[in-house]
Amino acid sequence: LPIGNLTSQLFSNVYLNVLDQFVKRTLGERYYGRYVDDFF
């Protein structure tokens, strides 16, 4: 996806929402956060 478009920023969040749900729901990690592709 091209960097610089509003839709690319939105879609990047949608794409990694699967990862967010996996970490929070499946792995059960309480102290988790993500900014685009950087997460902890």
Full PDB file with SEQRES, HELIX, SHEET, SSBOND, CRYST1, ORIGX, SCALE, CONECT and MASTER records, all heavy atoms in Angstrom:
SEQRES   1 A   40  LEU PRO ILE GLY ASN LEU THR SER GLN LEU PHE SER ASN          
SEQRES   2 A   40  VAL TYR LEU ASN VAL LEU ASP GLN PHE VAL LYS ARG THR          
SEQRES   3 A   40  LEU GLY GLU ARG TYR TYR GLY ARG TYR VAL ASP ASP PHE          
SEQRES   4 A   40  PHE                                                          
HELIX    1 AA1 LEU A    6  GLN A   21  1                                  16    
HELIX    2 AA2 PHE A   22  THR A   26  3                                   5    
SHEET    1 AA1 2 ARG A  34  TYR A  35  0                                        
SHEET    2 AA1 2 ASP A  38  PHE A  39 -1                                        
CRYST1    1.000    1.000    1.000  90.00  90.00  90.00 P 1           1          
ORIGX1      1.000000  0.000000  0.000000        0.00000                         
ORIGX2      0.000000  1.000000  0.000000        0.00000                         
ORIGX3      0.000000  0.000000  1.000000        0.00000                         
SCALE1      1.000000  0.000000  0.000000        0.00000                         
SCALE2      0.000000  1.000000  0.000000        0.00000                         
SCALE3      0.000000  0.000000  1.000000        0.00000                         
ATOM      1  N   LEU A   1       0.853  -1.182   0.000  1.00  0.00           N  
ATOM      2  CA  LEU A   1       0.000   0.000   0.000  1.00  0.00           C  
ATOM      3  C   LEU A   1       0.889   1.232   0.000  1.00  0.00           C  
ATOM      4  O   LEU A   1       1.950   1.241   0.623  1.00  0.00           O  
ATOM      5  CB  LEU A   1      -0.908   0.029   1.230  1.00  0.00           C  
ATOM      6  CG  LEU A   1      -2.027  -1.005   1.335  1.00  0.00           C  
ATOM      7  CD1 LEU A   1      -2.795  -0.799   2.624  1.00  0.00           C  
ATOM      8  CD2 LEU A   1      -2.956  -0.935   0.140  1.00  0.00           C  
ATOM      9  N   PRO A   2       0.482   2.293  -0.692  1.00  0.00           N  
ATOM     10  CA  PRO A   2       1.313   3.503  -0.739  1.00  0.00           C  
ATOM     11  C   PRO A   2       1.294   4.262   0.578  1.00  0.00           C  
ATOM     12  O   PRO A   2       0.226   4.507   1.148  1.00  0.00           O  
ATOM     13  CB  PRO A   2       0.665   4.319  -1.865  1.00  0.00           C  
ATOM     14  CG  PRO A   2      -0.753   3.864  -1.887  1.00  0.00           C  
ATOM     15  CD  PRO A   2      -0.738   2.414  -1.508  1.00  0.00           C  
ATOM     16  N   ILE A   3       2.463   4.624   1.072  1.00  0.00           N  
ATOM     17  CA  ILE A   3       2.552   5.480   2.255  1.00  0.00           C  
ATOM     18  C   ILE A   3       2.190   6.904   1.851  1.00  0.00           C  
ATOM     19  O   ILE A   3       2.704   7.424   0.866  1.00  0.00           O  
ATOM     20  CB  ILE A   3       3.971   5.432   2.850  1.00  0.00           C  
ATOM     21  CG1 ILE A   3       4.291   4.024   3.354  1.00  0.00           C  
ATOM     22  CG2 ILE A   3       4.122   6.439   3.980  1.00  0.00           C  
ATOM     23  CD1 ILE A   3       5.704   3.872   3.877  1.00  0.00           C  
ATOM     24  N   GLY A   4       1.316   7.521   2.621  1.00  0.00           N  
ATOM     25  CA  GLY A   4       0.927   8.894   2.332  1.00  0.00           C  
ATOM     26  C   GLY A   4      -0.552   9.090   2.126  1.00  0.00           C  
ATOM     27  O   GLY A   4      -1.036  10.226   2.152  1.00  0.00           O  
ATOM     28  N   ASN A   5      -1.308   8.010   1.922  1.00  0.00           N  
ATOM     29  CA  ASN A   5      -2.750   8.118   1.712  1.00  0.00           C  
ATOM     30  C   ASN A   5      -3.506   7.885   3.017  1.00  0.00           C  
ATOM     31  O   ASN A   5      -3.123   7.040   3.824  1.00  0.00           O  
ATOM     32  CB  ASN A   5      -3.229   7.107   0.669  1.00  0.00           C  
ATOM     33  CG  ASN A   5      -2.743   7.445  -0.728  1.00  0.00           C  
ATOM     34  OD1 ASN A   5      -2.278   8.556  -0.980  1.00  0.00           O  
ATOM     35  ND2 ASN A   5      -2.842   6.495  -1.633  1.00  0.00           N  
ATOM     36  N   LEU A   6      -4.603   8.598   3.196  1.00  0.00           N  
ATOM     37  CA  LEU A   6      -5.443   8.418   4.376  1.00  0.00           C  
ATOM     38  C   LEU A   6      -5.984   6.996   4.443  1.00  0.00           C  
ATOM     39  O   LEU A   6      -6.024   6.386   5.515  1.00  0.00           O  
ATOM     40  CB  LEU A   6      -6.591   9.426   4.347  1.00  0.00           C  
ATOM     41  CG  LEU A   6      -7.638   9.303   5.461  1.00  0.00           C  
ATOM     42  CD1 LEU A   6      -7.005   9.562   6.825  1.00  0.00           C  
ATOM     43  CD2 LEU A   6      -8.796  10.267   5.216  1.00  0.00           C  
ATOM     44  N   THR A   7      -6.400   6.467   3.302  1.00  0.00           N  
ATOM     45  CA  THR A   7      -6.944   5.113   3.290  1.00  0.00           C  
ATOM     46  C   THR A   7      -5.887   4.078   3.660  1.00  0.00           C  
ATOM     47  O   THR A   7      -6.207   3.071   4.301  1.00  0.00           O  
ATOM     48  CB  THR A   7      -7.517   4.784   1.905  1.00  0.00           C  
ATOM     49  OG1 THR A   7      -6.548   5.104   0.895  1.00  0.00           O  
ATOM     50  CG2 THR A   7      -8.789   5.573   1.643  1.00  0.00           C  
ATOM     51  N   SER A   8      -4.630   4.308   3.295  1.00  0.00           N  
ATOM     52  CA  SER A   8      -3.571   3.363   3.648  1.00  0.00           C  
ATOM     53  C   SER A   8      -3.393   3.299   5.163  1.00  0.00           C  
ATOM     54  O   SER A   8      -3.160   2.221   5.723  1.00  0.00           O  
ATOM     55  CB  SER A   8      -2.253   3.769   2.987  1.00  0.00           C  
ATOM     56  OG  SER A   8      -2.345   3.699   1.576  1.00  0.00           O  
ATOM     57  N   GLN A   9      -3.494   4.440   5.830  1.00  0.00           N  
ATOM     58  CA  GLN A   9      -3.383   4.452   7.290  1.00  0.00           C  
ATOM     59  C   GLN A   9      -4.536   3.677   7.929  1.00  0.00           C  
ATOM     60  O   GLN A   9      -4.334   2.900   8.865  1.00  0.00           O  
ATOM     61  CB  GLN A   9      -3.388   5.896   7.792  1.00  0.00           C  
ATOM     62  CG  GLN A   9      -2.239   6.746   7.277  1.00  0.00           C  
ATOM     63  CD  GLN A   9      -2.362   8.188   7.742  1.00  0.00           C  
ATOM     64  OE1 GLN A   9      -2.553   8.468   8.913  1.00  0.00           O  
ATOM     65  NE2 GLN A   9      -2.262   9.118   6.813  1.00  0.00           N  
ATOM     66  N   LEU A  10      -5.735   3.895   7.411  1.00  0.00           N  
ATOM     67  CA  LEU A  10      -6.896   3.184   7.945  1.00  0.00           C  
ATOM     68  C   LEU A  10      -6.784   1.684   7.690  1.00  0.00           C  
ATOM     69  O   LEU A  10      -6.995   0.869   8.595  1.00  0.00           O  
ATOM     70  CB  LEU A  10      -8.173   3.735   7.316  1.00  0.00           C  
ATOM     71  CG  LEU A  10      -9.482   3.036   7.707  1.00  0.00           C  
ATOM     72  CD1 LEU A  10      -9.753   3.183   9.201  1.00  0.00           C  
ATOM     73  CD2 LEU A  10     -10.649   3.594   6.890  1.00  0.00           C  
ATOM     74  N   PHE A  11      -6.427   1.315   6.457  1.00  0.00           N  
ATOM     75  CA  PHE A  11      -6.342  -0.103   6.100  1.00  0.00           C  
ATOM     76  C   PHE A  11      -5.233  -0.813   6.869  1.00  0.00           C  
ATOM     77  O   PHE A  11      -5.345  -2.003   7.173  1.00  0.00           O  
ATOM     78  CB  PHE A  11      -6.115  -0.256   4.601  1.00  0.00           C  
ATOM     79  CG  PHE A  11      -7.269   0.209   3.756  1.00  0.00           C  
ATOM     80  CD1 PHE A  11      -7.072   0.620   2.440  1.00  0.00           C  
ATOM     81  CD2 PHE A  11      -8.551   0.245   4.284  1.00  0.00           C  
ATOM     82  CE1 PHE A  11      -8.146   1.041   1.670  1.00  0.00           C  
ATOM     83  CE2 PHE A  11      -9.629   0.678   3.504  1.00  0.00           C  
ATOM     84  CZ  PHE A  11      -9.416   1.077   2.196  1.00  0.00           C  
ATOM     85  N   SER A  12      -4.155  -0.086   7.176  1.00  0.00           N  
ATOM     86  CA  SER A  12      -3.066  -0.712   7.927  1.00  0.00           C  
ATOM     87  C   SER A  12      -3.530  -1.117   9.321  1.00  0.00           C  
ATOM     88  O   SER A  12      -3.078  -2.127   9.870  1.00  0.00           O  
ATOM     89  CB  SER A  12      -1.872   0.239   8.023  1.00  0.00           C  
ATOM     90  OG  SER A  12      -2.170   1.360   8.852  1.00  0.00           O  
ATOM     91  N   ASN A  13      -4.428  -0.333   9.903  1.00  0.00           N  
ATOM     92  CA  ASN A  13      -4.989  -0.677  11.200  1.00  0.00           C  
ATOM     93  C   ASN A  13      -5.929  -1.874  11.097  1.00  0.00           C  
ATOM     94  O   ASN A  13      -5.951  -2.745  11.967  1.00  0.00           O  
ATOM     95  CB  ASN A  13      -5.742   0.524  11.781  1.00  0.00           C  
ATOM     96  CG  ASN A  13      -5.154   0.977  13.106  1.00  0.00           C  
ATOM     97  OD1 ASN A  13      -4.186   0.409  13.602  1.00  0.00           O  
ATOM     98  ND2 ASN A  13      -5.734   2.006  13.682  1.00  0.00           N  
ATOM     99  N   VAL A  14      -6.722  -1.898  10.036  1.00  0.00           N  
ATOM    100  CA  VAL A  14      -7.659  -3.006   9.834  1.00  0.00           C  
ATOM    101  C   VAL A  14      -6.895  -4.311   9.631  1.00  0.00           C  
ATOM    102  O   VAL A  14      -7.266  -5.354  10.183  1.00  0.00           O  
ATOM    103  CB  VAL A  14      -8.571  -2.718   8.628  1.00  0.00           C  
ATOM    104  CG1 VAL A  14      -9.486  -3.911   8.345  1.00  0.00           C  
ATOM    105  CG2 VAL A  14      -9.411  -1.467   8.873  1.00  0.00           C  
ATOM    106  N   TYR A  15      -5.813  -4.260   8.857  1.00  0.00           N  
ATOM    107  CA  TYR A  15      -5.063  -5.467   8.524  1.00  0.00           C  
ATOM    108  C   TYR A  15      -4.454  -6.109   9.769  1.00  0.00           C  
ATOM    109  O   TYR A  15      -4.454  -7.340   9.920  1.00  0.00           O  
ATOM    110  CB  TYR A  15      -3.967  -5.122   7.522  1.00  0.00           C  
ATOM    111  CG  TYR A  15      -3.399  -6.319   6.780  1.00  0.00           C  
ATOM    112  CD1 TYR A  15      -4.169  -7.019   5.868  1.00  0.00           C  
ATOM    113  CD2 TYR A  15      -2.080  -6.735   6.978  1.00  0.00           C  
ATOM    114  CE1 TYR A  15      -3.659  -8.102   5.173  1.00  0.00           C  
ATOM    115  CE2 TYR A  15      -1.561  -7.812   6.289  1.00  0.00           C  
ATOM    116  CZ  TYR A  15      -2.359  -8.492   5.387  1.00  0.00           C  
ATOM    117  OH  TYR A  15      -1.841  -9.571   4.702  1.00  0.00           O  
ATOM    118  N   LEU A  16      -3.928  -5.291  10.685  1.00  0.00           N  
ATOM    119  CA  LEU A  16      -3.292  -5.824  11.891  1.00  0.00           C  
ATOM    120  C   LEU A  16      -4.259  -5.967  13.060  1.00  0.00           C  
ATOM    121  O   LEU A  16      -3.841  -6.372  14.146  1.00  0.00           O  
ATOM    122  CB  LEU A  16      -2.114  -4.942  12.307  1.00  0.00           C  
ATOM    123  CG  LEU A  16      -0.823  -5.124  11.512  1.00  0.00           C  
ATOM    124  CD1 LEU A  16       0.294  -4.271  12.084  1.00  0.00           C  
ATOM    125  CD2 LEU A  16      -0.390  -6.587  11.482  1.00  0.00           C  
ATOM    126  N   ASN A  17      -5.521  -5.656  12.837  1.00  0.00           N  
ATOM    127  CA  ASN A  17      -6.503  -5.873  13.896  1.00  0.00           C  
ATOM    128  C   ASN A  17      -6.603  -7.358  14.245  1.00  0.00           C  
ATOM    129  O   ASN A  17      -6.914  -7.716  15.386  1.00  0.00           O  
ATOM    130  CB  ASN A  17      -7.871  -5.337  13.464  1.00  0.00           C  
ATOM    131  CG  ASN A  17      -8.884  -5.355  14.587  1.00  0.00           C  
ATOM    132  OD1 ASN A  17      -8.601  -4.962  15.716  1.00  0.00           O  
ATOM    133  ND2 ASN A  17     -10.084  -5.839  14.291  1.00  0.00           N  
ATOM    134  N   VAL A  18      -6.324  -8.210  13.273  1.00  0.00           N  
ATOM    135  CA  VAL A  18      -6.308  -9.656  13.525  1.00  0.00           C  
ATOM    136  C   VAL A  18      -5.227 -10.000  14.546  1.00  0.00           C  
ATOM    137  O   VAL A  18      -5.433 -10.828  15.443  1.00  0.00           O  
ATOM    138  CB  VAL A  18      -6.078 -10.426  12.210  1.00  0.00           C  
ATOM    139  CG1 VAL A  18      -6.049 -11.935  12.459  1.00  0.00           C  
ATOM    140  CG2 VAL A  18      -7.149 -10.084  11.187  1.00  0.00           C  
ATOM    141  N   LEU A  19      -4.063  -9.356  14.412  1.00  0.00           N  
ATOM    142  CA  LEU A  19      -2.985  -9.566  15.377  1.00  0.00           C  
ATOM    143  C   LEU A  19      -3.396  -9.072  16.758  1.00  0.00           C  
ATOM    144  O   LEU A  19      -3.130  -9.744  17.766  1.00  0.00           O  
ATOM    145  CB  LEU A  19      -1.725  -8.844  14.912  1.00  0.00           C  
ATOM    146  CG  LEU A  19      -0.554  -8.800  15.906  1.00  0.00           C  
ATOM    147  CD1 LEU A  19      -0.003 -10.204  16.134  1.00  0.00           C  
ATOM    148  CD2 LEU A  19       0.545  -7.865  15.406  1.00  0.00           C  
ATOM    149  N   ASP A  20      -4.029  -7.898  16.814  1.00  0.00           N  
ATOM    150  CA  ASP A  20      -4.474  -7.354  18.098  1.00  0.00           C  
ATOM    151  C   ASP A  20      -5.416  -8.318  18.815  1.00  0.00           C  
ATOM    152  O   ASP A  20      -5.275  -8.561  20.020  1.00  0.00           O  
ATOM    153  CB  ASP A  20      -5.178  -6.011  17.884  1.00  0.00           C  
ATOM    154  CG  ASP A  20      -4.266  -4.962  17.274  1.00  0.00           C  
ATOM    155  OD1 ASP A  20      -3.036  -5.102  17.400  1.00  0.00           O  
ATOM    156  OD2 ASP A  20      -4.786  -4.000  16.680  1.00  0.00           O  
ATOM    157  N   GLN A  21      -6.366  -8.865  18.074  1.00  0.00           N  
ATOM    158  CA  GLN A  21      -7.323  -9.794  18.677  1.00  0.00           C  
ATOM    159  C   GLN A  21      -6.636 -11.080  19.127  1.00  0.00           C  
ATOM    160  O   GLN A  21      -6.981 -11.644  20.181  1.00  0.00           O  
ATOM    161  CB  GLN A  21      -8.442 -10.120  17.668  1.00  0.00           C  
ATOM    162  CG  GLN A  21      -9.192  -8.911  17.141  1.00  0.00           C  
ATOM    163  CD  GLN A  21      -9.893  -8.120  18.230  1.00  0.00           C  
ATOM    164  OE1 GLN A  21     -10.300  -8.666  19.262  1.00  0.00           O  
ATOM    165  NE2 GLN A  21     -10.042  -6.813  18.023  1.00  0.00           N  
ATOM    166  N   PHE A  22      -5.650 -11.523  18.376  1.00  0.00           N  
ATOM    167  CA  PHE A  22      -4.911 -12.744  18.741  1.00  0.00           C  
ATOM    168  C   PHE A  22      -4.151 -12.545  20.054  1.00  0.00           C  
ATOM    169  O   PHE A  22      -4.195 -13.402  20.948  1.00  0.00           O  
ATOM    170  CB  PHE A  22      -3.944 -13.113  17.617  1.00  0.00           C  
ATOM    171  CG  PHE A  22      -3.024 -14.254  17.956  1.00  0.00           C  
ATOM    172  CD1 PHE A  22      -3.483 -15.553  18.040  1.00  0.00           C  
ATOM    173  CD2 PHE A  22      -1.669 -14.016  18.192  1.00  0.00           C  
ATOM    174  CE1 PHE A  22      -2.629 -16.607  18.359  1.00  0.00           C  
ATOM    175  CE2 PHE A  22      -0.811 -15.053  18.506  1.00  0.00           C  
ATOM    176  CZ  PHE A  22      -1.296 -16.358  18.596  1.00  0.00           C  
ATOM    177  N   VAL A  23      -3.469 -11.408  20.175  1.00  0.00           N  
ATOM    178  CA  VAL A  23      -2.683 -11.150  21.384  1.00  0.00           C  
ATOM    179  C   VAL A  23      -3.589 -10.956  22.595  1.00  0.00           C  
ATOM    180  O   VAL A  23      -3.324 -11.487  23.679  1.00  0.00           O  
ATOM    181  CB  VAL A  23      -1.774  -9.917  21.187  1.00  0.00           C  
ATOM    182  CG1 VAL A  23      -1.036  -9.578  22.474  1.00  0.00           C  
ATOM    183  CG2 VAL A  23      -0.766 -10.163  20.067  1.00  0.00           C  
ATOM    184  N   LYS A  24      -4.675 -10.201  22.425  1.00  0.00           N  
ATOM    185  CA  LYS A  24      -5.555  -9.896  23.552  1.00  0.00           C  
ATOM    186  C   LYS A  24      -6.461 -11.066  23.917  1.00  0.00           C  
ATOM    187  O   LYS A  24      -6.624 -11.379  25.106  1.00  0.00           O  
ATOM    188  CB  LYS A  24      -6.410  -8.668  23.231  1.00  0.00           C  
ATOM    189  CG  LYS A  24      -5.611  -7.388  23.030  1.00  0.00           C  
ATOM    190  CD  LYS A  24      -5.019  -6.882  24.329  1.00  0.00           C  
ATOM    191  CE  LYS A  24      -6.063  -6.271  25.221  1.00  0.00           C  
ATOM    192  NZ  LYS A  24      -5.471  -5.640  26.423  1.00  0.00           N  
ATOM    193  N   ARG A  25      -7.065 -11.719  22.926  1.00  0.00           N  
ATOM    194  CA  ARG A  25      -8.062 -12.760  23.201  1.00  0.00           C  
ATOM    195  C   ARG A  25      -7.454 -14.150  23.348  1.00  0.00           C  
ATOM    196  O   ARG A  25      -7.780 -14.879  24.295  1.00  0.00           O  
ATOM    197  CB  ARG A  25      -9.117 -12.792  22.081  1.00  0.00           C  
ATOM    198  CG  ARG A  25      -9.629 -11.443  21.635  1.00  0.00           C  
ATOM    199  CD  ARG A  25     -10.277 -10.640  22.732  1.00  0.00           C  
ATOM    200  NE  ARG A  25     -10.674  -9.315  22.232  1.00  0.00           N  
ATOM    201  CZ  ARG A  25     -10.984  -8.305  23.000  1.00  0.00           C  
ATOM    202  NH1 ARG A  25     -10.963  -8.439  24.320  1.00  0.00           N  
ATOM    203  NH2 ARG A  25     -11.326  -7.132  22.483  1.00  0.00           N  
ATOM    204  N   THR A  26      -6.575 -14.508  22.411  1.00  0.00           N  
ATOM    205  CA  THR A  26      -6.020 -15.861  22.431  1.00  0.00           C  
ATOM    206  C   THR A  26      -4.869 -16.000  23.418  1.00  0.00           C  
ATOM    207  O   THR A  26      -4.860 -16.903  24.263  1.00  0.00           O  
ATOM    208  CB  THR A  26      -5.550 -16.269  21.021  1.00  0.00           C  
ATOM    209  OG1 THR A  26      -6.636 -16.123  20.090  1.00  0.00           O  
ATOM    210  CG2 THR A  26      -5.080 -17.722  21.011  1.00  0.00           C  
ATOM    211  N   LEU A  27      -3.890 -15.090  23.320  1.00  0.00           N  
ATOM    212  CA  LEU A  27      -2.747 -15.155  24.225  1.00  0.00           C  
ATOM    213  C   LEU A  27      -3.082 -14.587  25.603  1.00  0.00           C  
ATOM    214  O   LEU A  27      -2.377 -14.886  26.577  1.00  0.00           O  
ATOM    215  CB  LEU A  27      -1.551 -14.401  23.623  1.00  0.00           C  
ATOM    216  CG  LEU A  27      -1.007 -14.944  22.298  1.00  0.00           C  
ATOM    217  CD1 LEU A  27       0.182 -14.101  21.841  1.00  0.00           C  
ATOM    218  CD2 LEU A  27      -0.600 -16.405  22.427  1.00  0.00           C  
ATOM    219  N   GLY A  28      -4.107 -13.765  25.680  1.00  0.00           N  
ATOM    220  CA  GLY A  28      -4.532 -13.217  26.968  1.00  0.00           C  
ATOM    221  C   GLY A  28      -3.577 -12.204  27.561  1.00  0.00           C  
ATOM    222  O   GLY A  28      -3.487 -12.077  28.797  1.00  0.00           O  
ATOM    223  N   GLU A  29      -2.865 -11.456  26.716  1.00  0.00           N  
ATOM    224  CA  GLU A  29      -1.909 -10.463  27.210  1.00  0.00           C  
ATOM    225  C   GLU A  29      -2.633  -9.160  27.532  1.00  0.00           C  
ATOM    226  O   GLU A  29      -3.229  -8.524  26.662  1.00  0.00           O  
ATOM    227  CB  GLU A  29      -0.804 -10.219  26.177  1.00  0.00           C  
ATOM    228  CG  GLU A  29       0.071 -11.418  25.928  1.00  0.00           C  
ATOM    229  CD  GLU A  29       0.783 -11.903  27.181  1.00  0.00           C  
ATOM    230  OE1 GLU A  29       1.149 -11.058  28.023  1.00  0.00           O  
ATOM    231  OE2 GLU A  29       0.962 -13.121  27.318  1.00  0.00           O  
ATOM    232  N   ARG A  30      -2.546  -8.754  28.767  1.00  0.00           N  
ATOM    233  CA  ARG A  30      -3.260  -7.567  29.233  1.00  0.00           C  
ATOM    234  C   ARG A  30      -2.547  -6.280  28.864  1.00  0.00           C  
ATOM    235  O   ARG A  30      -3.181  -5.292  28.476  1.00  0.00           O  
ATOM    236  CB  ARG A  30      -3.437  -7.653  30.747  1.00  0.00           C  
ATOM    237  CG  ARG A  30      -4.172  -6.480  31.364  1.00  0.00           C  
ATOM    238  CD  ARG A  30      -4.320  -6.677  32.869  1.00  0.00           C  
ATOM    239  NE  ARG A  30      -5.021  -5.564  33.492  1.00  0.00           N  
ATOM    240  CZ  ARG A  30      -5.232  -5.463  34.800  1.00  0.00           C  
ATOM    241  NH1 ARG A  30      -4.797  -6.420  35.614  1.00  0.00           N  
ATOM    242  NH2 ARG A  30      -5.868  -4.423  35.288  1.00  0.00           N  
ATOM    243  N   TYR A  31      -1.227  -6.283  28.984  1.00  0.00           N  
ATOM    244  CA  TYR A  31      -0.449  -5.058  28.778  1.00  0.00           C  
ATOM    245  C   TYR A  31       0.161  -5.070  27.378  1.00  0.00           C  
ATOM    246  O   TYR A  31       1.335  -5.390  27.190  1.00  0.00           O  
ATOM    247  CB  TYR A  31       0.619  -4.928  29.851  1.00  0.00           C  
ATOM    248  CG  TYR A  31       0.061  -5.021  31.256  1.00  0.00           C  
ATOM    249  CD1 TYR A  31       0.361  -6.104  32.085  1.00  0.00           C  
ATOM    250  CD2 TYR A  31      -0.779  -4.030  31.755  1.00  0.00           C  
ATOM    251  CE1 TYR A  31      -0.154  -6.187  33.371  1.00  0.00           C  
ATOM    252  CE2 TYR A  31      -1.310  -4.109  33.042  1.00  0.00           C  
ATOM    253  CZ  TYR A  31      -0.993  -5.190  33.841  1.00  0.00           C  
ATOM    254  OH  TYR A  31      -1.514  -5.272  35.103  1.00  0.00           O  
ATOM    255  N   TYR A  32      -0.669  -4.738  26.407  1.00  0.00           N  
ATOM    256  CA  TYR A  32      -0.273  -4.795  24.996  1.00  0.00           C  
ATOM    257  C   TYR A  32      -0.709  -3.508  24.303  1.00  0.00           C  
ATOM    258  O   TYR A  32      -1.752  -2.924  24.628  1.00  0.00           O  
ATOM    259  CB  TYR A  32      -0.934  -5.994  24.324  1.00  0.00           C  
ATOM    260  CG  TYR A  32      -0.924  -5.966  22.804  1.00  0.00           C  
ATOM    261  CD1 TYR A  32       0.208  -6.357  22.088  1.00  0.00           C  
ATOM    262  CD2 TYR A  32      -2.041  -5.544  22.088  1.00  0.00           C  
ATOM    263  CE1 TYR A  32       0.214  -6.339  20.697  1.00  0.00           C  
ATOM    264  CE2 TYR A  32      -2.043  -5.523  20.699  1.00  0.00           C  
ATOM    265  CZ  TYR A  32      -0.918  -5.910  20.010  1.00  0.00           C  
ATOM    266  OH  TYR A  32      -0.906  -5.890  18.645  1.00  0.00           O  
ATOM    267  N   GLY A  33       0.107  -3.060  23.341  1.00  0.00           N  
ATOM    268  CA  GLY A  33      -0.250  -1.893  22.554  1.00  0.00           C  
ATOM    269  C   GLY A  33       0.455  -1.923  21.212  1.00  0.00           C  
ATOM    270  O   GLY A  33       1.504  -2.564  21.054  1.00  0.00           O  
ATOM    271  N   ARG A  34      -0.121  -1.207  20.240  1.00  0.00           N  
ATOM    272  CA  ARG A  34       0.459  -1.196  18.888  1.00  0.00           C  
ATOM    273  C   ARG A  34       0.249   0.157  18.230  1.00  0.00           C  
ATOM    274  O   ARG A  34      -0.825   0.748  18.323  1.00  0.00           O  
ATOM    275  CB  ARG A  34      -0.190  -2.282  18.025  1.00  0.00           C  
ATOM    276  CG  ARG A  34       0.325  -2.301  16.576  1.00  0.00           C  
ATOM    277  CD  ARG A  34      -0.379  -3.363  15.752  1.00  0.00           C  
ATOM    278  NE  ARG A  34      -1.814  -3.148  15.679  1.00  0.00           N  
ATOM    279  CZ  ARG A  34      -2.408  -2.288  14.863  1.00  0.00           C  
ATOM    280  NH1 ARG A  34      -1.681  -1.534  14.049  1.00  0.00           N  
ATOM    281  NH2 ARG A  34      -3.726  -2.161  14.852  1.00  0.00           N  
ATOM    282  N   TYR A  35       1.314   0.655  17.591  1.00  0.00           N  
ATOM    283  CA  TYR A  35       1.237   1.835  16.735  1.00  0.00           C  
ATOM    284  C   TYR A  35       1.710   1.425  15.347  1.00  0.00           C  
ATOM    285  O   TYR A  35       2.903   1.205  15.117  1.00  0.00           O  
ATOM    286  CB  TYR A  35       2.092   2.977  17.286  1.00  0.00           C  
ATOM    287  CG  TYR A  35       1.951   4.262  16.495  1.00  0.00           C  
ATOM    288  CD1 TYR A  35       0.976   5.200  16.827  1.00  0.00           C  
ATOM    289  CD2 TYR A  35       2.770   4.529  15.410  1.00  0.00           C  
ATOM    290  CE1 TYR A  35       0.833   6.370  16.107  1.00  0.00           C  
ATOM    291  CE2 TYR A  35       2.641   5.691  14.678  1.00  0.00           C  
ATOM    292  CZ  TYR A  35       1.668   6.608  15.028  1.00  0.00           C  
ATOM    293  OH  TYR A  35       1.530   7.761  14.297  1.00  0.00           O  
ATOM    294  N   VAL A  36       0.783   1.291  14.407  1.00  0.00           N  
ATOM    295  CA  VAL A  36       1.044   0.783  13.056  1.00  0.00           C  
ATOM    296  C   VAL A  36       1.726  -0.578  13.162  1.00  0.00           C  
ATOM    297  O   VAL A  36       1.099  -1.547  13.568  1.00  0.00           O  
ATOM    298  CB  VAL A  36       1.862   1.783  12.204  1.00  0.00           C  
ATOM    299  CG1 VAL A  36       1.837   1.362  10.737  1.00  0.00           C  
ATOM    300  CG2 VAL A  36       1.292   3.196  12.319  1.00  0.00           C  
ATOM    301  N   ASP A  37       3.022  -0.668  12.831  1.00  0.00           N  
ATOM    302  CA  ASP A  37       3.701  -1.971  12.855  1.00  0.00           C  
ATOM    303  C   ASP A  37       4.638  -2.128  14.053  1.00  0.00           C  
ATOM    304  O   ASP A  37       5.358  -3.123  14.138  1.00  0.00           O  
ATOM    305  CB  ASP A  37       4.482  -2.191  11.563  1.00  0.00           C  
ATOM    306  CG  ASP A  37       5.524  -1.106  11.324  1.00  0.00           C  
ATOM    307  OD1 ASP A  37       5.397  -0.015  11.916  1.00  0.00           O  
ATOM    308  OD2 ASP A  37       6.469  -1.345  10.558  1.00  0.00           O  
ATOM    309  N   ASP A  38       4.661  -1.160  14.960  1.00  0.00           N  
ATOM    310  CA  ASP A  38       5.448  -1.268  16.194  1.00  0.00           C  
ATOM    311  C   ASP A  38       4.519  -1.679  17.329  1.00  0.00           C  
ATOM    312  O   ASP A  38       3.536  -0.988  17.606  1.00  0.00           O  
ATOM    313  CB  ASP A  38       6.115   0.068  16.540  1.00  0.00           C  
ATOM    314  CG  ASP A  38       7.124   0.494  15.487  1.00  0.00           C  
ATOM    315  OD1 ASP A  38       7.838  -0.381  14.975  1.00  0.00           O  
ATOM    316  OD2 ASP A  38       7.180   1.696  15.184  1.00  0.00           O  
ATOM    317  N   PHE A  39       4.821  -2.774  18.010  1.00  0.00           N  
ATOM    318  CA  PHE A  39       3.959  -3.198  19.108  1.00  0.00           C  
ATOM    319  C   PHE A  39       4.787  -3.727  20.264  1.00  0.00           C  
ATOM    320  O   PHE A  39       5.967  -4.067  20.113  1.00  0.00           O  
ATOM    321  CB  PHE A  39       2.924  -4.230  18.638  1.00  0.00           C  
ATOM    322  CG  PHE A  39       3.478  -5.467  17.988  1.00  0.00           C  
ATOM    323  CD1 PHE A  39       3.551  -6.669  18.676  1.00  0.00           C  
ATOM    324  CD2 PHE A  39       3.903  -5.447  16.661  1.00  0.00           C  
ATOM    325  CE1 PHE A  39       4.038  -7.812  18.077  1.00  0.00           C  
ATOM    326  CE2 PHE A  39       4.392  -6.595  16.047  1.00  0.00           C  
ATOM    327  CZ  PHE A  39       4.462  -7.780  16.765  1.00  0.00           C  
ATOM    328  N   PHE A  40       4.172  -3.760  21.440  1.00  0.00           N  
ATOM    329  CA  PHE A  40       4.874  -4.153  22.663  1.00  0.00           C  
ATOM    330  C   PHE A  40       3.961  -4.998  23.538  1.00  0.00           C  
ATOM    331  O   PHE A  40       2.729  -4.925  23.444  1.00  0.00           O  
ATOM    332  CB  PHE A  40       5.340  -2.913  23.440  1.00  0.00           C  
ATOM    333  CG  PHE A  40       4.220  -2.059  23.964  1.00  0.00           C  
ATOM    334  CD1 PHE A  40       3.600  -2.345  25.180  1.00  0.00           C  
ATOM    335  CD2 PHE A  40       3.764  -0.964  23.245  1.00  0.00           C  
ATOM    336  CE1 PHE A  40       2.564  -1.565  25.662  1.00  0.00           C  
ATOM    337  CE2 PHE A  40       2.719  -0.181  23.716  1.00  0.00           C  
ATOM    338  CZ  PHE A  40       2.120  -0.481  24.926  1.00  0.00           C  
TER     339      PHE A  40                                                      
MASTER        0    0    0    2    2    0    0    6  338    1    0    4          
END                                                                             
